[in-house]
Amino acid sequence: MEELRRFFQDESGPELVEWAVVTVILILATFAILQAIGNELTRIYQTIRDTLAGIG
């Protein structure tokens, strides 16, 4: 009976679930942002690479 009471009073489980949900949201947001700006970053990288190749 004591173990059952301790199980229901333990709050570490819900806290772990909250952190997991926050982590998933951050990963999804990061993925969406990178998808949105990926083409622009590729264009900038190619411009820099072409400029440096033109110098040499």
C-alpha atoms as a PDB file:
ATOM      1  CA  MET A   1       0.000   0.000   0.000  1.00  0.00           C
ATOM      2  CA  GLU A   2       2.873   2.364   0.814  1.00  0.00           C
ATOM      3  CA  GLU A   3       4.431   1.780  -2.598  1.00  0.00           C
ATOM      4  CA  LEU A   4       1.146   2.586  -4.329  1.00  0.00           C
ATOM      5  CA  ARG A   5       0.847   5.855  -2.407  1.00  0.00           C
ATOM      6  CA  ARG A   6       4.455   6.744  -3.267  1.00  0.00           C
ATOM      7  CA  PHE A   7       3.782   5.945  -6.949  1.00  0.00           C
ATOM      8  CA  PHE A   8       0.838   8.364  -7.129  1.00  0.00           C
ATOM      9  CA  GLN A   9       2.747  11.106  -5.293  1.00  0.00           C
ATOM     10  CA  ASP A  10       5.807  10.870  -7.549  1.00  0.00           C
ATOM     11  CA  GLU A  11       5.785  13.802 -10.001  1.00  0.00           C
ATOM     12  CA  SER A  12       8.916  13.031 -11.999  1.00  0.00           C
ATOM     13  CA  GLY A  13       6.988  11.148 -14.717  1.00  0.00           C
ATOM     14  CA  PRO A  14       4.836  14.070 -15.903  1.00  0.00           C
ATOM     15  CA  GLU A  15       7.874  16.361 -15.823  1.00  0.00           C
ATOM     16  CA  LEU A  16       9.749  13.954 -18.088  1.00  0.00           C
ATOM     17  CA  VAL A  17       6.804  13.893 -20.485  1.00  0.00           C
ATOM     18  CA  GLU A  18       6.732  17.706 -20.551  1.00  0.00           C
ATOM     19  CA  TRP A  19      10.437  17.848 -21.430  1.00  0.00           C
ATOM     20  CA  ALA A  20       9.939  15.236 -24.143  1.00  0.00           C
ATOM     21  CA  VAL A  21       7.075  17.239 -25.676  1.00  0.00           C
ATOM     22  CA  VAL A  22       9.113  20.464 -25.569  1.00  0.00           C
ATOM     23  CA  THR A  23      12.049  18.683 -27.204  1.00  0.00           C
ATOM     24  CA  VAL A  24       9.875  17.330 -30.007  1.00  0.00           C
ATOM     25  CA  ILE A  25       8.375  20.782 -30.615  1.00  0.00           C
ATOM     26  CA  LEU A  26      11.845  22.351 -30.792  1.00  0.00           C
ATOM     27  CA  ILE A  27      13.074  19.692 -33.212  1.00  0.00           C
ATOM     28  CA  LEU A  28      10.050  20.178 -35.470  1.00  0.00           C
ATOM     29  CA  ALA A  29      10.429  23.967 -35.378  1.00  0.00           C
ATOM     30  CA  THR A  30      14.130  23.728 -36.209  1.00  0.00           C
ATOM     31  CA  PHE A  31      13.388  21.389 -39.110  1.00  0.00           C
ATOM     32  CA  ALA A  32      10.695  23.734 -40.458  1.00  0.00           C
ATOM     33  CA  ILE A  33      12.980  26.767 -40.209  1.00  0.00           C
ATOM     34  CA  LEU A  34      15.832  24.978 -41.951  1.00  0.00           C
ATOM     35  CA  GLN A  35      13.472  23.860 -44.716  1.00  0.00           C
ATOM     36  CA  ALA A  36      12.265  27.442 -45.152  1.00  0.00           C
ATOM     37  CA  ILE A  37      15.723  29.029 -45.374  1.00  0.00           C
ATOM     38  CA  GLY A  38      17.632  26.093 -46.881  1.00  0.00           C
ATOM     39  CA  ASN A  39      17.488  27.311 -50.486  1.00  0.00           C
ATOM     40  CA  GLU A  40      18.624  30.782 -49.510  1.00  0.00           C
ATOM     41  CA  LEU A  41      21.564  29.394 -47.528  1.00  0.00           C
ATOM     42  CA  THR A  42      22.551  27.240 -50.503  1.00  0.00           C
ATOM     43  CA  ARG A  43      22.439  30.265 -52.788  1.00  0.00           C
ATOM     44  CA  ILE A  44      24.602  32.325 -50.418  1.00  0.00           C
ATOM     45  CA  TYR A  45      27.122  29.487 -50.053  1.00  0.00           C
ATOM     46  CA  GLN A  46      27.382  29.093 -53.842  1.00  0.00           C
ATOM     47  CA  THR A  47      27.867  32.845 -54.304  1.00  0.00           C
ATOM     48  CA  ILE A  48      30.695  32.871 -51.769  1.00  0.00           C
ATOM     49  CA  ARG A  49      32.271  29.768 -53.336  1.00  0.00           C
ATOM     50  CA  ASP A  50      32.096  31.244 -56.837  1.00  0.00           C
ATOM     51  CA  THR A  51      33.547  34.552 -55.656  1.00  0.00           C
ATOM     52  CA  LEU A  52      36.469  32.822 -53.941  1.00  0.00           C
ATOM     53  CA  ALA A  53      37.057  30.647 -57.013  1.00  0.00           C
ATOM     54  CA  GLY A  54      37.127  33.804 -59.180  1.00  0.00           C
ATOM     55  CA  ILE A  55      39.801  35.370 -56.979  1.00  0.00           C
ATOM     56  CA  GLY A  56      42.192  32.424 -57.312  1.00  0.00           C
END
